Amino acid sequence: MRIVKNLSNFLKDQEYYIDIFNNYLHVYSYLDLISLSSKLIELKMPDFNLIIEGENLIITEMDKQELLIKGLITNVGFKR
């Protein structure tokens, strides 16, 4: 499934994307990890900072361009 989404986003030439699943958040093409705790994760995106709030937040997969966050996600917000 991830291969199809990555290929689709590559063909559409999207700068970034964010997918929300049941207790998971998938972020593609983030620039930097600013803050990390079990209740708050802040990511630097191309045009804004992405704020993820919740309980028991952990990064289960991470590479240069994407990461997968697991936990009880209660709020996702943006900060310029």
C-alpha atoms as a PDB file:
ATOM      1  CA  MET A   1       0.000   0.000   0.000  1.00  0.00           C
ATOM      2  CA  ARG A   2       2.798   2.437   0.888  1.00  0.00           C
ATOM      3  CA  ILE A   3       4.493   1.841  -2.474  1.00  0.00           C
ATOM      4  CA  VAL A   4       1.311   2.812  -4.333  1.00  0.00           C
ATOM      5  CA  LYS A   5       0.920   6.015  -2.261  1.00  0.00           C
ATOM      6  CA  ASN A   6       4.590   6.954  -2.649  1.00  0.00           C
ATOM      7  CA  LEU A   7       4.411   6.386  -6.396  1.00  0.00           C
ATOM      8  CA  SER A   8       1.179   8.377  -6.632  1.00  0.00           C
ATOM      9  CA  ASN A   9       2.667  11.286  -4.693  1.00  0.00           C
ATOM     10  CA  PHE A  10       5.842  11.171  -6.789  1.00  0.00           C
ATOM     11  CA  LEU A  11       3.823  11.339  -9.992  1.00  0.00           C
ATOM     12  CA  LYS A  12       1.677  14.183  -8.635  1.00  0.00           C
ATOM     13  CA  ASP A  13       4.875  15.953  -7.482  1.00  0.00           C
ATOM     14  CA  GLN A  14       3.478  16.780  -4.058  1.00  0.00           C
ATOM     15  CA  GLU A  15       5.782  18.637  -1.700  1.00  0.00           C
ATOM     16  CA  TYR A  16       4.545  16.686   1.343  1.00  0.00           C
ATOM     17  CA  TYR A  17       1.581  14.686   2.626  1.00  0.00           C
ATOM     18  CA  ILE A  18       0.076  13.605   5.918  1.00  0.00           C
ATOM     19  CA  ASP A  19      -2.082  10.474   6.348  1.00  0.00           C
ATOM     20  CA  ILE A  20      -4.085   9.742   9.482  1.00  0.00           C
ATOM     21  CA  PHE A  21      -4.990   6.136  10.302  1.00  0.00           C
ATOM     22  CA  ASN A  22      -6.431   4.514  13.413  1.00  0.00           C
ATOM     23  CA  ASN A  23      -3.882   5.577  16.095  1.00  0.00           C
ATOM     24  CA  TYR A  24      -1.213   6.275  13.447  1.00  0.00           C
ATOM     25  CA  LEU A  25      -0.029   9.399  11.647  1.00  0.00           C
ATOM     26  CA  HIS A  26       2.170   9.051   8.545  1.00  0.00           C
ATOM     27  CA  VAL A  27       4.156  12.135   7.476  1.00  0.00           C
ATOM     28  CA  TYR A  28       6.065  12.270   4.189  1.00  0.00           C
ATOM     29  CA  SER A  29       8.717  14.870   3.354  1.00  0.00           C
ATOM     30  CA  TYR A  30       9.218  16.564   6.724  1.00  0.00           C
ATOM     31  CA  LEU A  31      12.342  18.706   7.140  1.00  0.00           C
ATOM     32  CA  ASP A  32      13.254  18.330  10.820  1.00  0.00           C
ATOM     33  CA  LEU A  33      12.091  16.890  14.131  1.00  0.00           C
ATOM     34  CA  ILE A  34      11.800  19.899  16.474  1.00  0.00           C
ATOM     35  CA  SER A  35      10.267  18.404  19.613  1.00  0.00           C
ATOM     36  CA  LEU A  36       9.580  14.876  20.819  1.00  0.00           C
ATOM     37  CA  SER A  37       7.758  13.716  23.946  1.00  0.00           C
ATOM     38  CA  SER A  38       5.045  11.184  24.737  1.00  0.00           C
ATOM     39  CA  LYS A  39       2.443  13.996  24.599  1.00  0.00           C
ATOM     40  CA  LEU A  40       3.767  16.310  21.848  1.00  0.00           C
ATOM     41  CA  ILE A  41       5.670  15.947  18.593  1.00  0.00           C
ATOM     42  CA  GLU A  42       6.560  19.002  16.509  1.00  0.00           C
ATOM     43  CA  LEU A  43       7.860  18.680  12.956  1.00  0.00           C
ATOM     44  CA  LYS A  44       9.279  21.313  10.616  1.00  0.00           C
ATOM     45  CA  MET A  45       7.470  21.099   7.284  1.00  0.00           C
ATOM     46  CA  PRO A  46       8.261  23.146   4.146  1.00  0.00           C
ATOM     47  CA  ASP A  47       5.787  25.968   4.940  1.00  0.00           C
ATOM     48  CA  PHE A  48       4.788  25.465   8.598  1.00  0.00           C
ATOM     49  CA  ASN A  49       5.382  23.459  11.766  1.00  0.00           C
ATOM     50  CA  LEU A  50       3.157  20.434  12.292  1.00  0.00           C
ATOM     51  CA  ILE A  51       2.045  19.904  15.909  1.00  0.00           C
ATOM     52  CA  ILE A  52       0.819  16.434  16.948  1.00  0.00           C
ATOM     53  CA  GLU A  53      -0.685  16.121  20.439  1.00  0.00           C
ATOM     54  CA  GLY A  54      -1.848  13.011  22.229  1.00  0.00           C
ATOM     55  CA  GLU A  55      -0.956  10.274  24.694  1.00  0.00           C
ATOM     56  CA  ASN A  56       1.768   7.628  24.448  1.00  0.00           C
ATOM     57  CA  LEU A  57       3.133   9.090  21.193  1.00  0.00           C
ATOM     58  CA  ILE A  58       6.096   7.214  19.746  1.00  0.00           C
ATOM     59  CA  ILE A  59       7.839   7.240  16.394  1.00  0.00           C
ATOM     60  CA  THR A  60       7.671   3.663  15.133  1.00  0.00           C
ATOM     61  CA  GLU A  61       9.394   4.204  11.770  1.00  0.00           C
ATOM     62  CA  MET A  62      11.700   6.992  10.682  1.00  0.00           C
ATOM     63  CA  ASP A  63      13.924   7.764   7.732  1.00  0.00           C
ATOM     64  CA  LYS A  64      15.185  10.897   5.975  1.00  0.00           C
ATOM     65  CA  GLN A  65      11.855  11.851   4.445  1.00  0.00           C
ATOM     66  CA  GLU A  66       9.085  10.108   6.327  1.00  0.00           C
ATOM     67  CA  LEU A  67       7.984   8.923   9.714  1.00  0.00           C
ATOM     68  CA  LEU A  68       5.190   6.979  11.311  1.00  0.00           C
ATOM     69  CA  ILE A  69       3.825   8.125  14.674  1.00  0.00           C
ATOM     70  CA  LYS A  70       1.779   5.789  16.860  1.00  0.00           C
ATOM     71  CA  GLY A  71      -0.344   6.622  19.894  1.00  0.00           C
ATOM     72  CA  LEU A  72      -3.635   8.135  20.936  1.00  0.00           C
ATOM     73  CA  ILE A  73      -3.643  11.215  18.678  1.00  0.00           C
ATOM     74  CA  THR A  74      -5.961  13.888  20.076  1.00  0.00           C
ATOM     75  CA  ASN A  75      -5.023  16.929  17.987  1.00  0.00           C
ATOM     76  CA  VAL A  76      -3.114  17.808  14.834  1.00  0.00           C
ATOM     77  CA  GLY A  77      -2.382  21.479  14.216  1.00  0.00           C
ATOM     78  CA  PHE A  78      -0.257  23.873  12.216  1.00  0.00           C
ATOM     79  CA  LYS A  79       1.947  26.769  13.291  1.00  0.00           C
ATOM     80  CA  ARG A  80       3.536  29.262  10.902  1.00  0.00           C
END
